[in-house]
Amino acid sequence: MATIKDVAEMAQVSAAAVSRVLNKDDSISVSPEVRARIFQAAHALGYVSPRQRRANAQKTHLVIGVADWRIVRPDRPNVRLSTLSCLVQMMTDQYEVNFVRLAFGQPEKVDGVIALGVFSEAEMDFLRSLSYAIVFVNSDCQNYEFDQVRVDFDQGLEQAVSYLVDRKLYTGVGYIGGIYEGENGVIGTHRAAGLRRVLEKRGLYDPRFFHVGEISRESGYALARKAVEDHALAEAMLLGSDEVAEGALDAFRELGVRIPKDVAVIVYQDIQTLESKWPTGTCLEMYPDYLWENALELLFGRICRKRSQAVTVLVPTHLKIGDTA
């Protein structure tokens, strides 16, 4: 059985810090990153503090479905789901939540739904059949039937370009990304289009530096290799997804392209499909923790507090500065 000492060793903090954080001692001053690391270590080791054991008996147990087929390829995992239970523990002692990944047309017994992306009427009807409590994230819903969390994607791209051009003084920005066309729609088009709009406003768009293929590691590798061989890399490149980034960065390494000395890199990270091999890299987080926290709070309000009024929340993206740009 795991102990506080085991959690402390994994989280690289003191046992006293573990005890105070897990017992929700608000007087302790630790960074959000350290707090998350402690909860993640406890979750991974299966450690439950005495206070948590007492609280578990009084928790409300919920099952939340995540409809992500509009933004993640169905044949790819959603790595983020494995960390959401830990996020709930950090947020509150009131609820214990199990998360299930939904597939269109396949019913699941859920208490609520977080739906990511833009859905057809048929998909909306399917989601309604699962639960009355639905939070749409970055949807185009124009009515006030459902709660919504809207992501300011353009603001995030503008922030990334401003960082690269105004702060780091790179003279050009390009893109390596992919598009997936499945039976439920197209994924990936808004990333390249959004970056192009931002660059065009600055007079910096150059089609030679935009390389688009499939959303896969193999495509990212091939696109990056060809861009290097054709001398079609800008000084800074936005990589359109985790998978594309993994392939592109492998190609750069094989070809001796140094990051960030030869080319600066920002990874466009929406829903994680891979555990990052470059955790210290610069990335544009389109679905940061506070987006999930807002979506969950809205669901808790609908399910457990019986709120009937629809609420819309606007959240910014987050540019996490690392060592690749």
Protein backbone atom coordinates (compact mmCIF):
# COMPACT_ATOMS: atom_id res chain seq x y z
CA MET A 1 0.00 0.00 0.00
CA ALA A 2 1.34 3.42 -0.96
CA THR A 3 2.37 5.86 1.76
CA ILE A 4 2.80 9.62 2.01
CA LYS A 5 6.54 9.04 1.66
CA ASP A 6 5.99 7.25 -1.67
CA VAL A 7 3.87 10.13 -2.96
CA ALA A 8 6.44 12.66 -1.77
CA GLU A 9 9.25 10.84 -3.58
CA MET A 10 7.30 10.63 -6.84
CA ALA A 11 6.19 14.29 -6.64
CA GLN A 12 9.67 15.41 -5.50
CA VAL A 13 8.37 17.34 -2.50
CA SER A 14 8.36 16.85 1.26
CA ALA A 15 5.97 14.49 3.03
CA ALA A 16 4.63 17.47 4.98
CA ALA A 17 3.75 19.25 1.72
CA VAL A 18 1.94 16.14 0.47
CA SER A 19 -0.08 15.87 3.66
CA ARG A 20 -1.11 19.53 3.68
CA VAL A 21 -1.99 19.66 -0.03
CA LEU A 22 -4.02 16.43 0.00
CA ASN A 23 -5.83 17.62 3.11
CA LYS A 24 -6.73 20.88 1.33
CA ASP A 25 -4.78 23.10 3.73
CA ASP A 26 -5.26 26.51 2.11
CA SER A 27 -2.55 28.09 4.24
CA ILE A 28 0.25 26.25 2.42
CA SER A 29 1.85 28.23 -0.40
CA VAL A 30 2.70 26.00 -3.37
CA SER A 31 2.53 26.63 -7.10
CA PRO A 32 -0.31 25.16 -9.18
CA GLU A 33 2.26 22.93 -10.90
CA VAL A 34 3.46 21.44 -7.58
CA ARG A 35 -0.11 20.99 -6.37
CA ALA A 36 -0.99 19.15 -9.60
CA ARG A 37 2.13 17.00 -9.31
CA ILE A 38 1.16 15.91 -5.79
CA PHE A 39 -2.38 14.96 -6.77
CA GLN A 40 -1.15 13.16 -9.89
CA ALA A 41 1.38 11.16 -7.88
CA ALA A 42 -1.24 10.21 -5.29
CA HIS A 43 -3.63 9.22 -8.06
CA ALA A 44 -0.99 7.14 -9.86
CA LEU A 45 0.01 5.32 -6.65
CA GLY A 46 -3.55 4.85 -5.43
CA TYR A 47 -2.84 6.72 -2.20
CA VAL A 48 -5.89 7.98 -0.30
CA SER A 49 -5.38 10.15 2.77
CA PRO A 50 -7.44 9.52 5.93
CA ARG A 51 -9.35 12.76 5.26
CA GLN A 52 -10.12 11.63 1.72
CA ARG A 53 -11.32 8.23 2.98
CA ARG A 54 -13.74 9.97 5.34
CA ALA A 55 -14.90 12.29 2.56
CA ASN A 56 -15.38 9.40 0.10
CA ALA A 57 -18.27 8.04 2.11
CA GLN A 58 -20.18 11.28 1.56
CA LYS A 59 -19.24 11.96 -2.06
CA THR A 60 -21.74 12.06 -4.89
CA HIS A 61 -20.69 9.57 -7.57
CA LEU A 62 -21.16 10.69 -11.18
CA VAL A 63 -20.42 9.33 -14.64
CA ILE A 64 -19.54 11.99 -17.20
CA GLY A 65 -19.41 11.23 -20.92
CA VAL A 66 -16.92 13.07 -23.14
CA ALA A 67 -17.98 13.50 -26.78
CA ASP A 68 -14.73 14.30 -28.59
CA TRP A 69 -15.21 12.74 -32.01
CA ARG A 70 -15.37 16.18 -33.61
CA ILE A 71 -11.84 17.13 -32.54
CA VAL A 72 -10.00 13.81 -32.01
CA ARG A 73 -9.67 11.02 -34.56
CA PRO A 74 -11.79 8.07 -33.38
CA ASP A 75 -8.82 5.72 -33.79
CA ARG A 76 -6.64 7.85 -31.49
CA PRO A 77 -6.73 7.87 -27.67
CA ASN A 78 -7.74 10.86 -25.62
CA VAL A 79 -4.88 10.92 -23.11
CA ARG A 80 -6.46 13.82 -21.21
CA LEU A 81 -9.30 11.63 -19.93
CA SER A 82 -6.95 9.69 -17.66
CA THR A 83 -6.09 12.88 -15.74
CA LEU A 84 -9.59 14.31 -15.29
CA SER A 85 -10.44 12.29 -12.17
CA CYS A 86 -7.33 13.75 -10.57
CA LEU A 87 -8.45 17.24 -11.61
CA VAL A 88 -11.81 16.67 -9.88
CA GLN A 89 -9.98 15.68 -6.67
CA MET A 90 -8.08 18.96 -6.80
CA MET A 91 -11.29 20.91 -7.35
CA THR A 92 -13.64 19.46 -4.74
CA ASP A 93 -14.33 16.78 -2.12
CA GLN A 94 -18.02 16.65 -3.05
CA TYR A 95 -17.87 14.48 -6.14
CA GLU A 96 -16.20 11.34 -7.39
CA VAL A 97 -16.38 11.23 -11.18
CA ASN A 98 -15.74 8.48 -13.69
CA PHE A 99 -15.18 9.66 -17.27
CA VAL A 100 -16.15 7.64 -20.33
CA ARG A 101 -15.35 8.45 -23.95
CA LEU A 102 -18.48 8.53 -26.07
CA ALA A 103 -18.94 7.36 -29.66
CA PHE A 104 -21.73 8.71 -31.88
CA GLY A 105 -24.71 6.37 -31.96
CA GLN A 106 -23.52 4.18 -29.09
CA PRO A 107 -25.63 4.82 -25.95
CA GLU A 108 -23.96 5.06 -22.54
CA LYS A 109 -25.44 5.56 -19.08
CA VAL A 110 -24.09 8.94 -18.01
CA ASP A 111 -25.15 11.71 -15.64
CA GLY A 112 -23.84 14.47 -17.88
CA VAL A 113 -21.89 15.17 -21.05
CA ILE A 114 -18.99 17.40 -22.07
CA ALA A 115 -19.25 17.81 -25.86
CA LEU A 116 -16.25 19.23 -27.72
CA GLY A 117 -16.68 20.87 -31.13
CA VAL A 118 -19.45 21.60 -33.60
CA PHE A 119 -22.16 18.95 -33.94
CA SER A 120 -24.87 18.18 -36.50
CA GLU A 121 -28.54 18.08 -35.54
CA ALA A 122 -28.46 14.28 -35.54
CA GLU A 123 -25.49 14.33 -33.18
CA MET A 124 -27.23 16.89 -30.97
CA ASP A 125 -30.30 14.66 -30.74
CA PHE A 126 -28.08 11.71 -29.78
CA LEU A 127 -26.42 13.73 -27.02
CA ARG A 128 -29.83 14.91 -25.75
CA SER A 129 -30.88 11.25 -25.50
CA LEU A 130 -28.00 10.59 -23.08
CA SER A 131 -28.55 13.43 -20.62
CA TYR A 132 -30.26 16.77 -20.10
CA ALA A 133 -27.01 18.07 -18.57
CA ILE A 134 -24.68 18.92 -21.47
CA VAL A 135 -21.86 21.43 -21.66
CA PHE A 136 -20.81 22.30 -25.22
CA VAL A 137 -17.20 23.41 -25.63
CA ASN A 138 -16.39 25.61 -28.62
CA SER A 139 -19.72 24.87 -30.25
CA ASP A 140 -21.68 27.04 -32.66
CA CYS A 141 -24.90 26.74 -30.64
CA GLN A 142 -26.85 29.95 -31.06
CA ASN A 143 -29.57 29.17 -28.54
CA TYR A 144 -29.51 29.14 -24.76
CA GLU A 145 -30.73 25.60 -24.22
CA PHE A 146 -27.32 24.36 -23.04
CA ASP A 147 -24.37 25.57 -21.02
CA GLN A 148 -21.36 26.52 -23.15
CA VAL A 149 -17.66 27.08 -22.74
CA ARG A 150 -16.20 29.04 -25.62
CA VAL A 151 -12.48 29.02 -26.38
CA ASP A 152 -10.83 32.13 -27.77
CA PHE A 153 -8.73 30.29 -30.38
CA ASP A 154 -7.85 33.42 -32.38
CA GLN A 155 -6.59 35.15 -29.25
CA GLY A 156 -4.32 32.18 -28.59
CA LEU A 157 -2.87 32.23 -32.09
CA GLU A 158 -2.37 35.99 -31.91
CA GLN A 159 -0.59 35.54 -28.59
CA ALA A 160 1.69 32.89 -30.08
CA VAL A 161 2.55 35.01 -33.12
CA SER A 162 3.13 38.08 -30.96
CA TYR A 163 5.51 36.08 -28.77
CA LEU A 164 7.46 34.80 -31.77
CA VAL A 165 7.55 38.03 -33.83
CA ASP A 166 7.39 40.88 -31.31
CA ARG A 167 9.23 39.37 -28.37
CA LYS A 168 11.61 36.84 -29.91
CA LEU A 169 12.01 38.83 -33.16
CA TYR A 170 11.65 35.92 -35.58
CA THR A 171 11.07 37.23 -39.09
CA GLY A 172 8.68 34.51 -40.31
CA VAL A 173 6.19 31.97 -38.99
CA GLY A 174 5.10 28.79 -40.76
CA TYR A 175 2.95 25.74 -40.12
CA ILE A 176 3.21 21.96 -40.28
CA GLY A 177 -0.10 20.24 -39.61
CA GLY A 178 -2.70 17.80 -40.76
CA ILE A 179 -6.35 17.33 -41.64
CA TYR A 180 -8.46 14.25 -40.93
CA GLU A 181 -11.63 13.57 -42.90
CA GLY A 182 -13.84 10.99 -41.21
CA GLU A 183 -17.46 9.96 -41.46
CA ASN A 184 -18.39 12.41 -38.71
CA GLY A 185 -16.66 15.41 -40.26
CA VAL A 186 -13.31 17.11 -40.81
CA ILE A 187 -10.75 17.77 -38.07
CA GLY A 188 -7.86 20.23 -38.19
CA THR A 189 -8.86 22.86 -40.75
CA HIS A 190 -9.31 25.77 -38.32
CA ARG A 191 -5.72 25.55 -37.06
CA ALA A 192 -3.99 26.42 -40.32
CA ALA A 193 -6.78 28.82 -41.33
CA GLY A 194 -6.62 30.68 -38.02
CA LEU A 195 -2.84 31.06 -38.17
CA ARG A 196 -3.07 32.26 -41.77
CA ARG A 197 -5.59 34.99 -40.77
CA VAL A 198 -3.33 36.22 -37.98
CA LEU A 199 -0.27 36.31 -40.24
CA GLU A 200 -2.15 38.00 -43.09
CA LYS A 201 -3.15 40.85 -40.76
CA ARG A 202 0.54 41.42 -40.10
CA GLY A 203 1.57 40.97 -43.75
CA LEU A 204 3.60 37.91 -42.76
CA TYR A 205 1.74 35.05 -44.46
CA ASP A 206 3.92 33.08 -46.90
CA PRO A 207 2.35 29.95 -48.45
CA ARG A 208 5.81 28.42 -48.97
CA PHE A 209 6.04 27.88 -45.22
CA PHE A 210 2.65 26.14 -44.82
CA HIS A 211 2.74 22.34 -45.09
CA VAL A 212 -0.46 20.34 -44.60
CA GLY A 213 -0.97 16.57 -44.82
CA GLU A 214 -2.68 14.07 -42.53
CA ILE A 215 -2.95 14.12 -38.74
CA SER A 216 -0.36 11.46 -38.04
CA ARG A 217 3.21 11.06 -36.90
CA GLU A 218 4.18 9.70 -40.31
CA SER A 219 2.75 12.73 -42.09
CA GLY A 220 4.46 15.14 -39.69
CA TYR A 221 7.78 13.40 -40.31
CA ALA A 222 7.40 13.48 -44.11
CA LEU A 223 6.22 17.11 -44.20
CA ALA A 224 9.04 18.32 -41.97
CA ARG A 225 11.68 16.40 -43.88
CA LYS A 226 10.47 17.78 -47.21
CA ALA A 227 10.29 21.31 -45.79
CA VAL A 228 13.92 21.08 -44.70
CA GLU A 229 15.08 19.61 -48.00
CA ASP A 230 13.16 22.25 -49.99
CA HIS A 231 14.45 25.10 -47.77
CA ALA A 232 10.81 25.87 -46.92
CA LEU A 233 11.06 26.37 -43.16
CA ALA A 234 10.29 29.70 -41.58
CA GLU A 235 12.40 30.81 -38.62
CA ALA A 236 9.52 29.68 -36.37
CA MET A 237 7.03 26.88 -37.02
CA LEU A 238 3.70 26.03 -35.40
CA LEU A 239 3.17 22.26 -35.31
CA GLY A 240 -0.53 21.48 -35.57
CA SER A 241 -0.98 18.53 -33.15
CA ASP A 242 0.83 16.15 -30.78
CA GLU A 243 1.16 13.46 -33.43
CA VAL A 244 2.34 15.79 -36.17
CA ALA A 245 4.80 17.35 -33.72
CA GLU A 246 6.28 13.99 -32.76
CA GLY A 247 6.99 13.13 -36.40
CA ALA A 248 8.24 16.60 -37.31
CA LEU A 249 10.61 16.82 -34.34
CA ASP A 250 12.00 13.36 -35.11
CA ALA A 251 12.70 14.51 -38.69
CA PHE A 252 14.41 17.68 -37.47
CA ARG A 253 16.62 15.68 -35.13
CA GLU A 254 17.61 13.19 -37.85
CA LEU A 255 18.48 16.01 -40.24
CA GLY A 256 20.49 17.92 -37.68
CA VAL A 257 18.05 20.84 -37.43
CA ARG A 258 18.67 22.39 -34.01
CA ILE A 259 15.73 23.62 -31.93
CA PRO A 260 15.38 26.51 -31.27
CA LYS A 261 18.70 27.65 -32.80
CA ASP A 262 17.85 26.68 -36.39
CA VAL A 263 14.07 26.71 -36.10
CA ALA A 264 11.82 27.69 -33.20
CA VAL A 265 8.85 25.43 -32.52
CA ILE A 266 5.48 25.85 -30.82
CA VAL A 267 3.19 22.82 -30.55
CA TYR A 268 -0.53 23.51 -31.01
CA GLN A 269 -1.94 21.32 -28.26
CA ASP A 270 -5.67 20.86 -28.00
CA ILE A 271 -6.75 17.42 -26.76
CA GLN A 272 -3.70 15.29 -26.01
CA THR A 273 -3.45 12.06 -28.00
CA LEU A 274 0.12 11.27 -26.92
CA GLU A 275 2.17 11.61 -23.77
CA SER A 276 4.59 14.35 -24.75
CA LYS A 277 8.23 13.45 -25.32
CA TRP A 278 9.05 17.15 -24.94
CA PRO A 279 7.36 18.23 -21.68
CA THR A 280 9.57 21.32 -21.47
CA GLY A 281 8.67 22.53 -24.97
CA THR A 282 6.73 25.68 -25.84
CA CYS A 283 3.10 24.89 -26.57
CA LEU A 284 -0.19 26.63 -27.19
CA GLU A 285 -2.67 24.92 -24.87
CA MET A 286 -6.12 25.20 -26.42
CA TYR A 287 -7.85 23.15 -23.70
CA PRO A 288 -6.01 24.03 -20.46
CA ASP A 289 -7.11 22.84 -17.02
CA TYR A 290 -9.30 25.86 -16.33
CA LEU A 291 -11.42 25.02 -19.38
CA TRP A 292 -12.16 21.58 -17.95
CA GLU A 293 -12.72 23.07 -14.50
CA ASN A 294 -15.34 25.47 -15.90
CA ALA A 295 -17.04 22.70 -17.88
CA LEU A 296 -17.19 20.47 -14.79
CA GLU A 297 -18.48 23.25 -12.54
CA LEU A 298 -21.26 23.93 -15.04
CA LEU A 299 -22.20 20.25 -15.09
CA PHE A 300 -22.18 19.98 -11.29
CA GLY A 301 -24.49 22.97 -11.18
CA ARG A 302 -26.92 21.35 -13.60
CA ILE A 303 -26.84 17.83 -12.16
CA CYS A 304 -26.53 18.30 -8.42
CA ARG A 305 -27.66 21.85 -7.75
CA LYS A 306 -30.54 21.69 -10.25
CA ARG A 307 -29.64 24.97 -11.95
CA SER A 308 -31.96 25.55 -14.92
CA GLN A 309 -30.58 28.78 -16.38
CA ALA A 310 -28.04 28.24 -19.18
CA VAL A 311 -24.60 29.79 -18.68
CA THR A 312 -21.91 30.68 -21.23
CA VAL A 313 -18.26 31.06 -20.20
CA LEU A 314 -15.44 32.43 -22.38
CA VAL A 315 -11.96 31.12 -21.58
CA PRO A 316 -8.62 32.12 -23.09
CA THR A 317 -6.02 29.73 -24.42
CA HIS A 318 -2.65 29.48 -22.70
CA LEU A 319 0.79 29.92 -24.22
CA LYS A 320 3.18 27.84 -22.10
CA ILE A 321 6.70 29.14 -22.64
CA GLY A 322 9.33 26.42 -22.84
CA ASP A 323 12.71 25.74 -24.37
CA THR A 324 11.74 25.15 -28.01
CA ALA A 325 10.92 28.76 -28.97
